[in-house]
Every structure is written in structure tokens, then in C-alpha cells.
Amino acid sequence: MSFSLDDLAALIKSRRQDDASKSYTRSLFDAGAPRIAKKFGEEAVEAVIAAMGNDRKELTMEAADVLYHLLVLLEARDIALADVLRELERRTNQSGLAEKASRGAGA
């Protein structure tokens, strides 16, 4: 498979310039980050519900929606996917428990 999250992030970035009447992505940008965040949350809940069932296809589709809406949200807040990946890489240099403890109470 040659399609990557980097490809999707680049496509989403390019859609900021599209006509909102022809681009769902552009319509999300026009609605603003709070609306995008709400949509991301809705999709995350749908993925959780799908995960509780036994339908692999449904979970796969919901996971795709989650990833897409997360990348739209990151773009809306001018956060590059590369920055998120660097943070994940940084975290892999220590155990998950140590990393979580380093974030302090409530993390």
C-alpha cells in the first residue's frame, strides 16, 4: 500500500483552498476548529462503539473517519503531522509508565 498518513495530511492541507460547495474538508475548515473538534469526538465515539462489536469492516471505516478528522483538526490548528510523530518518537525513548508519570497528576 502506498497511501500514507502523510499523503492524507497533504491532501487535507491542499483542500483548504477548494470551494466549500464542492469540498467537505473545506466546509469543515470554514466551520472552524471547535466544530472540527466536535466532529472528531463524534467519530471517536463511533469507533469505540464499533470496537465493542465484532464487525471488523465497521471498525475499519470508523477508524478511517477518526484519522481523517484528527488530521483536519491538526491542520486547522496549524499542527503538522510530523510534530505529532516526533512527539510519539520522543515517548518511545522511555517506558509508557515513565512517560505518563512525567506528565504529572491528571495526565
C-alpha atoms as a PDB file:
ATOM      1  CA  MET A   1       0.000   0.000   0.000  1.00  0.00           C
ATOM      2  CA  SER A   2       1.432   3.347  -0.976  1.00  0.00           C
ATOM      3  CA  PHE A   3      -1.115   5.734   0.615  1.00  0.00           C
ATOM      4  CA  SER A   4       0.133   7.120   3.930  1.00  0.00           C
ATOM      5  CA  LEU A   5      -0.987   9.476   6.673  1.00  0.00           C
ATOM      6  CA  ASP A   6       1.493  11.971   5.208  1.00  0.00           C
ATOM      7  CA  ASP A   7      -0.385  11.712   1.900  1.00  0.00           C
ATOM      8  CA  LEU A   8      -3.688  12.300   3.669  1.00  0.00           C
ATOM      9  CA  ALA A   9      -2.295  15.264   5.616  1.00  0.00           C
ATOM     10  CA  ALA A  10      -1.021  16.823   2.371  1.00  0.00           C
ATOM     11  CA  LEU A  11      -4.387  16.273   0.675  1.00  0.00           C
ATOM     12  CA  ILE A  12      -6.219  17.859   3.607  1.00  0.00           C
ATOM     13  CA  LYS A  13      -3.855  20.849   3.515  1.00  0.00           C
ATOM     14  CA  SER A  14      -4.498  21.297  -0.204  1.00  0.00           C
ATOM     15  CA  ARG A  15      -8.270  21.170   0.309  1.00  0.00           C
ATOM     16  CA  ARG A  16      -8.139  24.368   2.385  1.00  0.00           C
ATOM     17  CA  GLN A  17      -8.107  26.177  -0.978  1.00  0.00           C
ATOM     18  CA  ASP A  18     -11.047  24.299  -2.510  1.00  0.00           C
ATOM     19  CA  ASP A  19     -14.561  25.594  -2.998  1.00  0.00           C
ATOM     20  CA  ALA A  20     -16.613  24.773   0.107  1.00  0.00           C
ATOM     21  CA  SER A  21     -19.600  23.825  -2.046  1.00  0.00           C
ATOM     22  CA  LYS A  22     -17.509  21.019  -3.555  1.00  0.00           C
ATOM     23  CA  SER A  23     -15.261  20.050  -0.645  1.00  0.00           C
ATOM     24  CA  TYR A  24     -16.360  18.565   2.665  1.00  0.00           C
ATOM     25  CA  THR A  25     -12.881  19.248   4.025  1.00  0.00           C
ATOM     26  CA  ARG A  26     -13.086  22.935   3.138  1.00  0.00           C
ATOM     27  CA  SER A  27     -16.545  23.156   4.714  1.00  0.00           C
ATOM     28  CA  LEU A  28     -15.036  21.801   7.937  1.00  0.00           C
ATOM     29  CA  PHE A  29     -12.304  24.454   7.853  1.00  0.00           C
ATOM     30  CA  ASP A  30     -14.928  27.126   7.263  1.00  0.00           C
ATOM     31  CA  ALA A  31     -16.894  25.880  10.299  1.00  0.00           C
ATOM     32  CA  GLY A  32     -13.817  26.342  12.491  1.00  0.00           C
ATOM     33  CA  ALA A  33     -11.720  24.291  14.876  1.00  0.00           C
ATOM     34  CA  PRO A  34     -14.418  23.904  17.573  1.00  0.00           C
ATOM     35  CA  ARG A  35     -16.774  22.291  15.030  1.00  0.00           C
ATOM     36  CA  ILE A  36     -13.973  20.104  13.696  1.00  0.00           C
ATOM     37  CA  ALA A  37     -13.147  19.027  17.258  1.00  0.00           C
ATOM     38  CA  LYS A  38     -16.790  18.139  17.849  1.00  0.00           C
ATOM     39  CA  LYS A  39     -16.885  16.074  14.664  1.00  0.00           C
ATOM     40  CA  PHE A  40     -13.635  14.332  15.660  1.00  0.00           C
ATOM     41  CA  GLY A  41     -15.194  13.474  19.036  1.00  0.00           C
ATOM     42  CA  GLU A  42     -18.319  12.092  17.385  1.00  0.00           C
ATOM     43  CA  GLU A  43     -16.217   9.904  15.120  1.00  0.00           C
ATOM     44  CA  ALA A  44     -14.115   8.696  18.066  1.00  0.00           C
ATOM     45  CA  VAL A  45     -17.269   7.622  19.914  1.00  0.00           C
ATOM     46  CA  GLU A  46     -18.479   5.805  16.812  1.00  0.00           C
ATOM     47  CA  ALA A  47     -15.129   3.987  16.637  1.00  0.00           C
ATOM     48  CA  VAL A  48     -15.444   2.938  20.282  1.00  0.00           C
ATOM     49  CA  ILE A  49     -18.940   1.600  19.646  1.00  0.00           C
ATOM     50  CA  ALA A  50     -17.725  -0.267  16.563  1.00  0.00           C
ATOM     51  CA  ALA A  51     -14.819  -1.718  18.554  1.00  0.00           C
ATOM     52  CA  MET A  52     -17.250  -3.176  21.058  1.00  0.00           C
ATOM     53  CA  GLY A  53     -18.868  -5.190  18.288  1.00  0.00           C
ATOM     54  CA  ASN A  54     -17.448  -7.884  16.054  1.00  0.00           C
ATOM     55  CA  ASP A  55     -17.687  -6.103  12.698  1.00  0.00           C
ATOM     56  CA  ARG A  56     -14.116  -5.551  11.501  1.00  0.00           C
ATOM     57  CA  LYS A  57     -15.250  -3.598   8.445  1.00  0.00           C
ATOM     58  CA  GLU A  58     -17.281  -1.181  10.561  1.00  0.00           C
ATOM     59  CA  LEU A  59     -14.342  -0.542  12.899  1.00  0.00           C
ATOM     60  CA  THR A  60     -12.036  -0.085   9.915  1.00  0.00           C
ATOM     61  CA  MET A  61     -14.365   2.535   8.428  1.00  0.00           C
ATOM     62  CA  GLU A  62     -14.781   4.356  11.749  1.00  0.00           C
ATOM     63  CA  ALA A  63     -11.011   4.312  12.339  1.00  0.00           C
ATOM     64  CA  ALA A  64     -10.541   5.932   8.926  1.00  0.00           C
ATOM     65  CA  ASP A  65     -13.044   8.635   9.910  1.00  0.00           C
ATOM     66  CA  VAL A  66     -11.182   9.224  13.187  1.00  0.00           C
ATOM     67  CA  LEU A  67      -7.807   9.566  11.466  1.00  0.00           C
ATOM     68  CA  TYR A  68      -9.214  11.880   8.801  1.00  0.00           C
ATOM     69  CA  HIS A  69     -10.962  14.180  11.275  1.00  0.00           C
ATOM     70  CA  LEU A  70      -7.921  14.237  13.576  1.00  0.00           C
ATOM     71  CA  LEU A  71      -5.716  15.337  10.680  1.00  0.00           C
ATOM     72  CA  VAL A  72      -8.247  18.028   9.711  1.00  0.00           C
ATOM     73  CA  LEU A  73      -8.230  19.263  13.312  1.00  0.00           C
ATOM     74  CA  LEU A  74      -4.441  19.315  13.445  1.00  0.00           C
ATOM     75  CA  GLU A  75      -4.315  21.273  10.167  1.00  0.00           C
ATOM     76  CA  ALA A  76      -6.924  23.721  11.459  1.00  0.00           C
ATOM     77  CA  ARG A  77      -4.690  24.374  14.471  1.00  0.00           C
ATOM     78  CA  ASP A  78      -1.520  24.530  12.327  1.00  0.00           C
ATOM     79  CA  ILE A  79      -0.004  21.430  13.901  1.00  0.00           C
ATOM     80  CA  ALA A  80       1.947  19.303  11.450  1.00  0.00           C
ATOM     81  CA  LEU A  81       1.594  15.536  11.483  1.00  0.00           C
ATOM     82  CA  ALA A  82       5.409  15.456  11.658  1.00  0.00           C
ATOM     83  CA  ASP A  83       5.238  17.267  15.022  1.00  0.00           C
ATOM     84  CA  VAL A  84       2.865  14.622  16.393  1.00  0.00           C
ATOM     85  CA  LEU A  85       5.094  11.840  15.070  1.00  0.00           C
ATOM     86  CA  ARG A  86       8.149  13.465  16.691  1.00  0.00           C
ATOM     87  CA  GLU A  87       6.292  13.537  19.992  1.00  0.00           C
ATOM     88  CA  LEU A  88       5.426   9.865  19.648  1.00  0.00           C
ATOM     89  CA  GLU A  89       9.038   9.091  18.803  1.00  0.00           C
ATOM     90  CA  ARG A  90      10.195  11.023  21.871  1.00  0.00           C
ATOM     91  CA  ARG A  91       7.864   8.989  24.020  1.00  0.00           C
ATOM     92  CA  THR A  92       9.207   5.700  22.710  1.00  0.00           C
ATOM     93  CA  ASN A  93      12.571   6.512  24.288  1.00  0.00           C
ATOM     94  CA  GLN A  94      11.130   5.705  27.716  1.00  0.00           C
ATOM     95  CA  SER A  95       8.609   3.278  29.091  1.00  0.00           C
ATOM     96  CA  GLY A  96       4.960   4.210  28.761  1.00  0.00           C
ATOM     97  CA  LEU A  97       4.555   4.248  32.534  1.00  0.00           C
ATOM     98  CA  ALA A  98       7.542   6.582  32.994  1.00  0.00           C
ATOM     99  CA  GLU A  99       6.283   8.875  30.237  1.00  0.00           C
ATOM    100  CA  LYS A 100       2.830   9.051  31.764  1.00  0.00           C
ATOM    101  CA  ALA A 101       4.305   9.792  35.208  1.00  0.00           C
ATOM    102  CA  SER A 102       6.408  12.593  33.709  1.00  0.00           C
ATOM    103  CA  ARG A 103       3.227  14.395  32.659  1.00  0.00           C
ATOM    104  CA  GLY A 104       2.179  14.755  36.308  1.00  0.00           C
ATOM    105  CA  ALA A 105      -1.152  14.329  38.049  1.00  0.00           C
ATOM    106  CA  GLY A 106      -4.258  14.284  35.912  1.00  0.00           C
ATOM    107  CA  ALA A 107      -2.474  13.201  32.757  1.00  0.00           C
END
